[in-house]
Amino acid sequence: MFYSRVIDEEIFRRIDGKSYRKNHMVTIDELRYLRMLYKDINGKTHIGEMIVNQSIAADVLAIFRELYRQSYPIEQMVLVDDYDANDERSMSANNTSAFNYRTIENTDILSNHSKGLAVDINPLYNPYIYRTASGVEICSPALGKKYADRSKSFDYKIDENDLAYRLFTEHGFTWGGNWEDSKDYQHFEKAN
């Protein structure tokens, strides 16, 4: 149950006006709808869904097939549209997702999620951490603040020893946990 297909009318109705808005960055024809199996922390199998750019669809399927084979725990994987494309709500629910036409938090710059070229894995436990111009540390999602200290050990934690890190980087993705100015521990992206 690992497959990719074009965005059909049913899926388009779910995302139109939420994660997808007509834009100059990516057309609906460049996106692919993926269905993939994943296991939760108790080893129970679930069916997940994700939208990515067609240029990374095969890589993402291969990565998640191996994550499933090795029982890598993912809490949930539904389209961000189930949260009305609200990134904070989706991350707070620890939802693994990809495409969402939006800006990088606290900027006017479009995220690589807007092109379907980025995937966020277990985001509650792997937050995005940055400092404002005044030096205040911000954690996103806000509920993920208790997981900002990466020296601690906890379930769902992504670091350079993690299977997700290894698989994504083997497929040419970069990890937000290696960024210098901010840290986005949930985030893997591939340049187009």
N, C-alpha and C. Protein backbone atom coordinates (compact mmCIF):
# COMPACT_ATOMS: atom_id res chain seq x y z
N MET A 1 0.84 -1.20 0.00
CA MET A 1 0.00 0.00 0.00
C MET A 1 0.88 1.25 0.00
N PHE A 2 1.80 1.31 -0.89
CA PHE A 2 2.63 2.50 -1.06
C PHE A 2 2.48 2.94 -2.51
N TYR A 3 1.76 4.03 -2.73
CA TYR A 3 1.59 4.47 -4.12
C TYR A 3 1.47 5.98 -4.22
N SER A 4 1.68 6.43 -5.45
CA SER A 4 1.61 7.85 -5.79
C SER A 4 0.62 8.00 -6.94
N ARG A 5 -0.18 9.06 -6.91
CA ARG A 5 -1.07 9.33 -8.03
C ARG A 5 -1.24 10.84 -8.20
N VAL A 6 -1.72 11.22 -9.37
CA VAL A 6 -1.98 12.64 -9.61
C VAL A 6 -3.12 13.09 -8.68
N ILE A 7 -3.22 14.39 -8.48
CA ILE A 7 -4.28 14.93 -7.63
C ILE A 7 -5.59 14.87 -8.41
N ASP A 8 -6.50 14.01 -7.98
CA ASP A 8 -7.79 13.90 -8.66
C ASP A 8 -8.77 14.92 -8.09
N GLU A 9 -9.98 14.94 -8.62
CA GLU A 9 -10.98 15.93 -8.21
C GLU A 9 -11.33 15.81 -6.73
N GLU A 10 -11.43 14.59 -6.22
CA GLU A 10 -11.77 14.39 -4.81
C GLU A 10 -10.71 15.00 -3.89
N ILE A 11 -9.45 14.72 -4.17
CA ILE A 11 -8.37 15.28 -3.35
C ILE A 11 -8.30 16.79 -3.54
N PHE A 12 -8.47 17.26 -4.78
CA PHE A 12 -8.42 18.70 -5.03
C PHE A 12 -9.48 19.43 -4.21
N ARG A 13 -10.67 18.87 -4.12
CA ARG A 13 -11.74 19.51 -3.31
C ARG A 13 -11.33 19.60 -1.84
N ARG A 14 -10.59 18.62 -1.35
CA ARG A 14 -10.14 18.64 0.05
C ARG A 14 -9.10 19.72 0.31
N ILE A 15 -8.26 20.03 -0.68
CA ILE A 15 -7.13 20.94 -0.45
C ILE A 15 -7.35 22.34 -1.00
N ASP A 16 -8.27 22.50 -1.94
CA ASP A 16 -8.48 23.80 -2.59
C ASP A 16 -8.92 24.85 -1.57
N GLY A 17 -8.19 25.94 -1.52
CA GLY A 17 -8.49 27.02 -0.58
C GLY A 17 -7.92 26.78 0.81
N LYS A 18 -7.31 25.64 1.01
CA LYS A 18 -6.65 25.34 2.29
C LYS A 18 -5.15 25.27 2.03
N SER A 19 -4.61 24.04 1.87
CA SER A 19 -3.17 23.94 1.61
C SER A 19 -2.81 24.36 0.19
N TYR A 20 -3.76 24.28 -0.73
CA TYR A 20 -3.49 24.67 -2.11
C TYR A 20 -4.29 25.91 -2.48
N ARG A 21 -3.56 26.89 -2.99
CA ARG A 21 -4.17 28.09 -3.56
C ARG A 21 -3.47 28.32 -4.89
N LYS A 22 -4.22 28.75 -5.88
CA LYS A 22 -3.60 29.03 -7.18
C LYS A 22 -2.45 30.00 -6.96
N ASN A 23 -1.29 29.67 -7.54
CA ASN A 23 -0.08 30.44 -7.26
C ASN A 23 0.90 30.31 -8.41
N HIS A 24 2.00 31.02 -8.33
CA HIS A 24 3.03 31.00 -9.37
C HIS A 24 4.17 30.02 -9.07
N MET A 25 4.15 29.38 -7.91
CA MET A 25 5.26 28.50 -7.49
C MET A 25 5.09 27.05 -7.95
N VAL A 26 3.88 26.54 -7.81
CA VAL A 26 3.66 25.12 -8.12
C VAL A 26 2.23 24.95 -8.63
N THR A 27 2.09 24.18 -9.70
CA THR A 27 0.75 23.89 -10.22
C THR A 27 0.27 22.57 -9.62
N ILE A 28 -1.02 22.37 -9.68
CA ILE A 28 -1.60 21.13 -9.14
C ILE A 28 -1.04 19.91 -9.89
N ASP A 29 -0.69 20.10 -11.16
CA ASP A 29 -0.14 19.00 -11.96
C ASP A 29 1.25 18.57 -11.50
N GLU A 30 1.94 19.43 -10.76
CA GLU A 30 3.28 19.10 -10.27
C GLU A 30 3.25 18.34 -8.94
N LEU A 31 2.08 18.22 -8.34
CA LEU A 31 1.94 17.57 -7.04
C LEU A 31 1.45 16.14 -7.18
N ARG A 32 1.80 15.32 -6.21
CA ARG A 32 1.35 13.93 -6.18
C ARG A 32 0.78 13.60 -4.80
N TYR A 33 -0.29 12.81 -4.82
CA TYR A 33 -0.93 12.32 -3.60
C TYR A 33 -0.34 10.95 -3.30
N LEU A 34 0.19 10.77 -2.10
CA LEU A 34 0.79 9.50 -1.69
C LEU A 34 -0.06 8.83 -0.63
N ARG A 35 -0.18 7.52 -0.72
CA ARG A 35 -0.76 6.70 0.34
C ARG A 35 0.34 5.75 0.79
N MET A 36 0.54 5.70 2.11
CA MET A 36 1.64 4.91 2.65
C MET A 36 1.24 4.29 3.98
N LEU A 37 1.76 3.12 4.23
CA LEU A 37 1.59 2.51 5.54
C LEU A 37 2.62 3.08 6.51
N TYR A 38 2.23 3.16 7.77
CA TYR A 38 3.19 3.54 8.81
C TYR A 38 2.78 2.84 10.09
N LYS A 39 3.72 2.77 11.03
CA LYS A 39 3.45 2.14 12.32
C LYS A 39 3.52 3.18 13.42
N ASP A 40 2.61 3.05 14.38
CA ASP A 40 2.66 3.94 15.54
C ASP A 40 3.65 3.38 16.56
N ILE A 41 3.76 4.04 17.68
CA ILE A 41 4.77 3.66 18.68
C ILE A 41 4.49 2.28 19.29
N ASN A 42 3.24 1.80 19.17
CA ASN A 42 2.88 0.48 19.67
C ASN A 42 3.01 -0.60 18.60
N GLY A 43 3.48 -0.22 17.41
CA GLY A 43 3.66 -1.19 16.33
C GLY A 43 2.42 -1.44 15.50
N LYS A 44 1.34 -0.71 15.76
CA LYS A 44 0.10 -0.88 15.00
C LYS A 44 0.23 -0.18 13.64
N THR A 45 -0.22 -0.86 12.59
CA THR A 45 -0.16 -0.33 11.23
C THR A 45 -1.33 0.59 10.95
N HIS A 46 -1.04 1.72 10.28
CA HIS A 46 -2.05 2.69 9.86
C HIS A 46 -1.80 3.04 8.40
N ILE A 47 -2.81 3.61 7.75
CA ILE A 47 -2.66 4.12 6.39
C ILE A 47 -2.53 5.63 6.48
N GLY A 48 -1.44 6.15 5.93
CA GLY A 48 -1.19 7.59 5.94
C GLY A 48 -1.34 8.18 4.56
N GLU A 49 -1.44 9.51 4.53
CA GLU A 49 -1.52 10.21 3.26
C GLU A 49 -0.68 11.47 3.32
N MET A 50 -0.18 11.88 2.16
CA MET A 50 0.72 13.02 2.08
C MET A 50 0.70 13.53 0.64
N ILE A 51 0.92 14.82 0.46
CA ILE A 51 1.08 15.40 -0.87
C ILE A 51 2.49 15.96 -0.96
N VAL A 52 3.18 15.62 -2.06
CA VAL A 52 4.54 16.10 -2.30
C VAL A 52 4.68 16.50 -3.77
N ASN A 53 5.78 17.14 -4.09
CA ASN A 53 6.11 17.46 -5.47
C ASN A 53 6.44 16.16 -6.20
N GLN A 54 6.03 16.08 -7.47
CA GLN A 54 6.29 14.86 -8.24
C GLN A 54 7.78 14.52 -8.31
N SER A 55 8.65 15.53 -8.20
CA SER A 55 10.09 15.28 -8.31
C SER A 55 10.66 14.52 -7.12
N ILE A 56 9.95 14.49 -5.99
CA ILE A 56 10.45 13.75 -4.82
C ILE A 56 9.54 12.58 -4.44
N ALA A 57 8.46 12.36 -5.19
CA ALA A 57 7.48 11.33 -4.82
C ALA A 57 8.11 9.94 -4.69
N ALA A 58 8.93 9.54 -5.65
CA ALA A 58 9.55 8.21 -5.59
C ALA A 58 10.47 8.08 -4.39
N ASP A 59 11.24 9.13 -4.10
CA ASP A 59 12.12 9.11 -2.93
C ASP A 59 11.32 8.98 -1.64
N VAL A 60 10.27 9.77 -1.52
CA VAL A 60 9.46 9.75 -0.29
C VAL A 60 8.81 8.39 -0.10
N LEU A 61 8.29 7.80 -1.17
CA LEU A 61 7.72 6.45 -1.07
C LEU A 61 8.77 5.44 -0.60
N ALA A 62 9.95 5.50 -1.17
CA ALA A 62 11.02 4.56 -0.79
C ALA A 62 11.41 4.75 0.68
N ILE A 63 11.51 6.00 1.11
CA ILE A 63 11.88 6.29 2.51
C ILE A 63 10.82 5.75 3.46
N PHE A 64 9.55 6.04 3.19
CA PHE A 64 8.50 5.60 4.10
C PHE A 64 8.28 4.09 4.05
N ARG A 65 8.56 3.47 2.91
CA ARG A 65 8.49 2.01 2.84
C ARG A 65 9.51 1.40 3.80
N GLU A 66 10.72 1.96 3.82
CA GLU A 66 11.76 1.45 4.71
C GLU A 66 11.47 1.80 6.17
N LEU A 67 10.94 2.99 6.42
CA LEU A 67 10.55 3.34 7.79
C LEU A 67 9.51 2.35 8.31
N TYR A 68 8.55 2.00 7.46
CA TYR A 68 7.52 1.03 7.84
C TYR A 68 8.14 -0.34 8.09
N ARG A 69 9.00 -0.77 7.18
CA ARG A 69 9.64 -2.09 7.30
C ARG A 69 10.40 -2.21 8.61
N GLN A 70 11.00 -1.11 9.05
CA GLN A 70 11.79 -1.13 10.28
C GLN A 70 10.99 -0.66 11.51
N SER A 71 9.67 -0.57 11.36
CA SER A 71 8.76 -0.20 12.48
C SER A 71 9.12 1.14 13.11
N TYR A 72 9.52 2.10 12.28
CA TYR A 72 9.82 3.44 12.77
C TYR A 72 8.51 4.09 13.22
N PRO A 73 8.44 4.62 14.45
CA PRO A 73 7.16 5.14 14.95
C PRO A 73 6.81 6.53 14.41
N ILE A 74 5.60 6.62 13.89
CA ILE A 74 5.02 7.88 13.44
C ILE A 74 3.65 7.97 14.09
N GLU A 75 3.36 9.09 14.73
CA GLU A 75 2.10 9.19 15.47
C GLU A 75 0.89 9.29 14.55
N GLN A 76 0.97 10.14 13.53
CA GLN A 76 -0.12 10.21 12.56
C GLN A 76 0.38 10.85 11.28
N MET A 77 -0.35 10.59 10.19
CA MET A 77 0.03 11.12 8.88
C MET A 77 -1.24 11.36 8.06
N VAL A 78 -1.78 12.57 8.19
CA VAL A 78 -2.95 12.99 7.42
C VAL A 78 -2.60 14.29 6.71
N LEU A 79 -3.40 14.65 5.73
CA LEU A 79 -3.16 15.92 5.04
C LEU A 79 -3.33 17.07 6.02
N VAL A 80 -2.51 18.09 5.88
CA VAL A 80 -2.58 19.27 6.75
C VAL A 80 -3.95 19.94 6.62
N ASP A 81 -4.66 19.63 5.56
CA ASP A 81 -6.00 20.18 5.34
C ASP A 81 -6.99 19.68 6.40
N ASP A 82 -6.71 18.54 7.02
CA ASP A 82 -7.55 18.07 8.13
C ASP A 82 -7.47 19.03 9.31
N TYR A 83 -6.48 19.91 9.29
CA TYR A 83 -6.32 20.96 10.30
C TYR A 83 -6.51 22.34 9.67
N ASP A 84 -7.30 22.38 8.58
CA ASP A 84 -7.56 23.62 7.83
C ASP A 84 -6.26 24.29 7.40
N ALA A 85 -5.24 23.49 7.11
CA ALA A 85 -3.91 23.97 6.68
C ALA A 85 -3.25 24.86 7.72
N ASN A 86 -3.67 24.73 8.98
CA ASN A 86 -3.07 25.49 10.08
C ASN A 86 -1.87 24.69 10.58
N ASP A 87 -0.69 25.19 10.29
CA ASP A 87 0.54 24.46 10.60
C ASP A 87 0.71 24.23 12.10
N GLU A 88 0.40 25.23 12.91
CA GLU A 88 0.55 25.09 14.37
C GLU A 88 -0.34 23.97 14.90
N ARG A 89 -1.58 23.91 14.43
CA ARG A 89 -2.50 22.85 14.88
C ARG A 89 -2.03 21.48 14.42
N SER A 90 -1.58 21.39 13.17
CA SER A 90 -1.10 20.12 12.64
C SER A 90 0.13 19.64 13.41
N MET A 91 1.08 20.55 13.65
CA MET A 91 2.29 20.17 14.39
C MET A 91 1.97 19.80 15.83
N SER A 92 1.07 20.53 16.46
CA SER A 92 0.70 20.25 17.86
C SER A 92 0.07 18.87 18.00
N ALA A 93 -0.56 18.39 16.93
CA ALA A 93 -1.15 17.05 16.92
C ALA A 93 -0.12 15.99 16.51
N ASN A 94 1.14 16.41 16.36
CA ASN A 94 2.24 15.53 15.94
C ASN A 94 1.94 14.86 14.60
N ASN A 95 1.41 15.64 13.68
CA ASN A 95 1.04 15.14 12.37
C ASN A 95 2.20 15.27 11.38
N THR A 96 2.62 14.15 10.84
CA THR A 96 3.65 14.12 9.80
C THR A 96 3.01 14.55 8.49
N SER A 97 3.58 15.57 7.84
CA SER A 97 2.97 16.11 6.62
C SER A 97 4.02 16.72 5.71
N ALA A 98 3.56 17.21 4.55
CA ALA A 98 4.50 17.78 3.58
C ALA A 98 3.93 19.06 2.96
N PHE A 99 3.20 18.94 1.85
CA PHE A 99 2.76 20.12 1.11
C PHE A 99 1.82 21.01 1.91
N ASN A 100 2.13 22.30 1.89
CA ASN A 100 1.24 23.33 2.45
C ASN A 100 1.73 24.66 1.89
N TYR A 101 0.93 25.31 1.07
CA TYR A 101 1.34 26.58 0.47
C TYR A 101 1.30 27.66 1.55
N ARG A 102 2.49 27.94 2.12
CA ARG A 102 2.59 28.88 3.24
C ARG A 102 3.98 29.47 3.30
N THR A 103 4.10 30.52 4.11
CA THR A 103 5.41 31.14 4.32
C THR A 103 6.13 30.46 5.48
N ILE A 104 7.44 30.69 5.54
CA ILE A 104 8.23 30.28 6.70
C ILE A 104 7.76 31.12 7.88
N GLU A 105 7.59 30.50 9.01
CA GLU A 105 7.08 31.21 10.19
C GLU A 105 7.88 32.48 10.47
N ASN A 106 7.14 33.55 10.74
CA ASN A 106 7.70 34.85 11.11
C ASN A 106 8.45 35.54 9.96
N THR A 107 8.14 35.13 8.70
CA THR A 107 8.76 35.77 7.54
C THR A 107 7.72 35.93 6.43
N ASP A 108 8.13 36.57 5.33
CA ASP A 108 7.31 36.66 4.12
C ASP A 108 7.83 35.72 3.04
N ILE A 109 8.75 34.85 3.40
CA ILE A 109 9.39 33.94 2.45
C ILE A 109 8.59 32.64 2.35
N LEU A 110 8.31 32.21 1.11
CA LEU A 110 7.59 30.95 0.94
C LEU A 110 8.46 29.78 1.37
N SER A 111 7.86 28.88 2.12
CA SER A 111 8.53 27.66 2.57
C SER A 111 8.67 26.68 1.42
N ASN A 112 9.64 25.77 1.51
CA ASN A 112 9.73 24.69 0.53
C ASN A 112 8.54 23.74 0.63
N HIS A 113 7.77 23.82 1.71
CA HIS A 113 6.50 23.09 1.78
C HIS A 113 5.55 23.60 0.70
N SER A 114 5.69 24.87 0.33
CA SER A 114 4.83 25.47 -0.70
C SER A 114 5.02 24.83 -2.06
N LYS A 115 6.18 24.25 -2.28
CA LYS A 115 6.48 23.57 -3.54
C LYS A 115 6.32 22.06 -3.41
N GLY A 116 6.01 21.59 -2.21
CA GLY A 116 5.91 20.15 -1.97
C GLY A 116 7.26 19.48 -1.89
N LEU A 117 8.30 20.25 -1.55
CA LEU A 117 9.68 19.72 -1.52
C LEU A 117 10.20 19.50 -0.10
N ALA A 118 9.32 19.57 0.89
CA ALA A 118 9.75 19.40 2.29
C ALA A 118 8.76 18.50 3.02
N VAL A 119 9.30 17.71 3.95
CA VAL A 119 8.51 16.78 4.76
C VAL A 119 8.84 17.04 6.22
N ASP A 120 7.82 17.11 7.06
CA ASP A 120 7.99 17.25 8.51
C ASP A 120 7.58 15.94 9.18
N ILE A 121 8.47 15.40 9.99
CA ILE A 121 8.25 14.11 10.67
C ILE A 121 8.06 14.34 12.17
N ASN A 122 6.99 13.79 12.73
CA ASN A 122 6.71 13.87 14.17
C ASN A 122 7.06 15.26 14.73
N PRO A 123 6.39 16.31 14.24
CA PRO A 123 6.82 17.69 14.54
C PRO A 123 6.68 18.14 15.98
N LEU A 124 5.77 17.57 16.74
CA LEU A 124 5.63 17.98 18.13
C LEU A 124 6.92 17.71 18.90
N TYR A 125 7.53 16.58 18.65
CA TYR A 125 8.73 16.15 19.37
C TYR A 125 10.02 16.65 18.72
N ASN A 126 9.88 17.27 17.57
CA ASN A 126 11.03 17.75 16.80
C ASN A 126 10.76 19.17 16.34
N PRO A 127 10.66 20.11 17.25
CA PRO A 127 10.18 21.46 16.93
C PRO A 127 11.14 22.30 16.09
N TYR A 128 10.57 23.36 15.56
CA TYR A 128 11.33 24.40 14.85
C TYR A 128 11.66 25.47 15.88
N ILE A 129 12.94 25.78 16.04
CA ILE A 129 13.39 26.73 17.07
C ILE A 129 14.19 27.84 16.40
N TYR A 130 13.79 29.08 16.68
CA TYR A 130 14.51 30.22 16.11
C TYR A 130 14.46 31.38 17.10
N ARG A 131 15.29 32.37 16.85
CA ARG A 131 15.32 33.58 17.68
C ARG A 131 14.80 34.75 16.88
N THR A 132 14.00 35.58 17.54
CA THR A 132 13.52 36.81 16.92
C THR A 132 14.66 37.82 16.85
N ALA A 133 14.43 38.93 16.16
CA ALA A 133 15.45 39.98 16.05
C ALA A 133 15.86 40.50 17.43
N SER A 134 14.93 40.44 18.39
CA SER A 134 15.24 40.91 19.75
C SER A 134 15.87 39.83 20.62
N GLY A 135 16.10 38.63 20.04
CA GLY A 135 16.79 37.57 20.77
C GLY A 135 15.90 36.61 21.53
N VAL A 136 14.59 36.74 21.40
CA VAL A 136 13.66 35.84 22.09
C VAL A 136 13.60 34.51 21.34
N GLU A 137 13.77 33.40 22.07
CA GLU A 137 13.68 32.09 21.45
C GLU A 137 12.22 31.70 21.28
N ILE A 138 11.87 31.27 20.07
CA ILE A 138 10.52 30.84 19.74
C ILE A 138 10.58 29.36 19.38
N CYS A 139 9.61 28.62 19.87
CA CYS A 139 9.52 27.19 19.58
C CYS A 139 8.18 26.94 18.88
N SER A 140 8.23 26.24 17.76
CA SER A 140 7.02 25.96 16.99
C SER A 140 7.00 24.47 16.65
N PRO A 141 5.94 23.77 17.10
CA PRO A 141 4.77 24.29 17.79
C PRO A 141 5.11 24.67 19.24
N ALA A 142 4.32 25.56 19.78
CA ALA A 142 4.55 26.01 21.16
C ALA A 142 4.54 24.84 22.13
N LEU A 143 3.67 23.85 21.87
CA LEU A 143 3.60 22.68 22.75
C LEU A 143 4.87 21.83 22.70
N GLY A 144 5.72 22.05 21.69
CA GLY A 144 6.95 21.28 21.55
C GLY A 144 8.11 21.82 22.36
N LYS A 145 7.89 22.89 23.11
CA LYS A 145 8.98 23.52 23.85
C LYS A 145 9.70 22.54 24.79
N LYS A 146 8.95 21.62 25.39
CA LYS A 146 9.60 20.68 26.32
C LYS A 146 10.51 19.68 25.60
N TYR A 147 10.46 19.68 24.24
CA TYR A 147 11.34 18.79 23.46
C TYR A 147 12.45 19.58 22.76
N ALA A 148 12.60 20.85 23.12
CA ALA A 148 13.63 21.69 22.49
C ALA A 148 15.03 21.32 22.96
N ASP A 149 15.15 20.79 24.17
CA ASP A 149 16.46 20.38 24.70
C ASP A 149 16.83 19.03 24.08
N ARG A 150 17.70 19.07 23.09
CA ARG A 150 18.03 17.87 22.34
C ARG A 150 19.04 16.96 23.05
N SER A 151 19.50 17.36 24.23
CA SER A 151 20.39 16.48 25.00
C SER A 151 19.58 15.42 25.75
N LYS A 152 18.26 15.62 25.85
CA LYS A 152 17.39 14.66 26.53
C LYS A 152 17.01 13.53 25.57
N SER A 153 16.63 12.40 26.16
CA SER A 153 16.17 11.26 25.39
C SER A 153 14.66 11.16 25.51
N PHE A 154 13.97 10.96 24.38
CA PHE A 154 12.51 10.81 24.39
C PHE A 154 12.06 10.15 23.09
N ASP A 155 10.86 9.58 23.12
CA ASP A 155 10.29 8.94 21.93
C ASP A 155 10.15 9.95 20.80
N TYR A 156 10.25 9.48 19.58
CA TYR A 156 10.05 10.25 18.34
C TYR A 156 11.17 11.24 18.04
N LYS A 157 12.20 11.29 18.85
CA LYS A 157 13.28 12.27 18.66
C LYS A 157 14.10 11.96 17.39
N ILE A 158 14.29 13.00 16.57
CA ILE A 158 15.15 12.88 15.39
C ILE A 158 16.48 13.55 15.69
N ASP A 159 17.56 12.81 15.44
CA ASP A 159 18.91 13.37 15.51
C ASP A 159 19.72 12.67 14.41
N GLU A 160 21.02 12.90 14.37
CA GLU A 160 21.84 12.34 13.30
C GLU A 160 22.02 10.82 13.40
N ASN A 161 21.60 10.21 14.49
CA ASN A 161 21.65 8.76 14.64
C ASN A 161 20.32 8.09 14.30
N ASP A 162 19.34 8.89 13.95
CA ASP A 162 17.97 8.42 13.73
C ASP A 162 17.82 7.81 12.33
N LEU A 163 16.97 6.81 12.22
CA LEU A 163 16.72 6.15 10.94
C LEU A 163 16.15 7.13 9.91
N ALA A 164 15.21 7.98 10.30
CA ALA A 164 14.65 8.94 9.34
C ALA A 164 15.74 9.86 8.81
N TYR A 165 16.60 10.34 9.69
CA TYR A 165 17.72 11.19 9.25
C TYR A 165 18.57 10.45 8.22
N ARG A 166 18.92 9.22 8.52
CA ARG A 166 19.79 8.45 7.62
C ARG A 166 19.13 8.24 6.25
N LEU A 167 17.85 7.84 6.25
CA LEU A 167 17.17 7.56 4.99
C LEU A 167 16.97 8.82 4.15
N PHE A 168 16.51 9.89 4.79
CA PHE A 168 16.30 11.12 4.03
C PHE A 168 17.62 11.65 3.46
N THR A 169 18.67 11.66 4.25
CA THR A 169 19.94 12.20 3.74
C THR A 169 20.53 11.29 2.66
N GLU A 170 20.33 9.98 2.77
CA GLU A 170 20.78 9.07 1.71
C GLU A 170 20.08 9.36 0.39
N HIS A 171 18.87 9.89 0.47
CA HIS A 171 18.09 10.24 -0.73
C HIS A 171 18.30 11.69 -1.16
N GLY A 172 19.29 12.36 -0.60
CA GLY A 172 19.63 13.71 -1.04
C GLY A 172 18.91 14.85 -0.36
N PHE A 173 18.18 14.57 0.71
CA PHE A 173 17.50 15.62 1.46
C PHE A 173 18.46 16.24 2.47
N THR A 174 18.21 17.47 2.83
CA THR A 174 18.94 18.10 3.93
C THR A 174 18.01 18.17 5.13
N TRP A 175 18.62 18.22 6.31
CA TRP A 175 17.87 18.20 7.57
C TRP A 175 17.94 19.57 8.24
N GLY A 176 16.78 20.07 8.66
CA GLY A 176 16.71 21.36 9.34
C GLY A 176 17.42 21.38 10.68
N GLY A 177 17.71 20.24 11.25
CA GLY A 177 18.45 20.19 12.51
C GLY A 177 19.91 20.59 12.35
N ASN A 178 20.37 20.65 11.11
CA ASN A 178 21.75 21.07 10.83
C ASN A 178 21.87 22.53 10.43
N TRP A 179 20.77 23.26 10.40
CA TRP A 179 20.82 24.68 10.03
C TRP A 179 21.58 25.46 11.09
N GLU A 180 22.17 26.57 10.69
CA GLU A 180 22.97 27.37 11.62
C GLU A 180 22.15 28.41 12.38
N ASP A 181 21.32 29.17 11.68
CA ASP A 181 20.60 30.28 12.31
C ASP A 181 19.36 29.85 13.08
N SER A 182 18.80 28.73 12.71
CA SER A 182 17.64 28.17 13.40
C SER A 182 17.78 26.66 13.34
N LYS A 183 16.92 25.97 14.07
CA LYS A 183 16.92 24.50 14.05
C LYS A 183 15.49 24.04 13.79
N ASP A 184 15.33 23.20 12.78
CA ASP A 184 14.01 22.66 12.45
C ASP A 184 14.16 21.14 12.44
N TYR A 185 14.04 20.56 13.62
CA TYR A 185 14.36 19.15 13.81
C TYR A 185 13.40 18.20 13.09
N GLN A 186 12.21 18.65 12.77
CA GLN A 186 11.21 17.83 12.09
C GLN A 186 11.39 17.81 10.57
N HIS A 187 12.19 18.71 10.03
CA HIS A 187 12.15 19.13 8.63
C HIS A 187 13.24 18.51 7.76
N PHE A 188 12.80 17.90 6.65
CA PHE A 188 13.70 17.41 5.60
C PHE A 188 13.26 18.02 4.29
N GLU A 189 14.20 18.55 3.51
CA GLU A 189 13.85 19.16 2.23
C GLU A 189 14.86 18.78 1.17
N LYS A 190 14.39 18.87 -0.07
CA LYS A 190 15.25 18.56 -1.21
C LYS A 190 15.12 19.69 -2.21
N ALA A 191 16.25 20.26 -2.61
CA ALA A 191 16.23 21.35 -3.59
C ALA A 191 15.77 20.81 -4.93
N ASN A 192 15.02 21.63 -5.65
CA ASN A 192 14.51 21.23 -6.96
C ASN A 192 15.42 21.73 -8.05
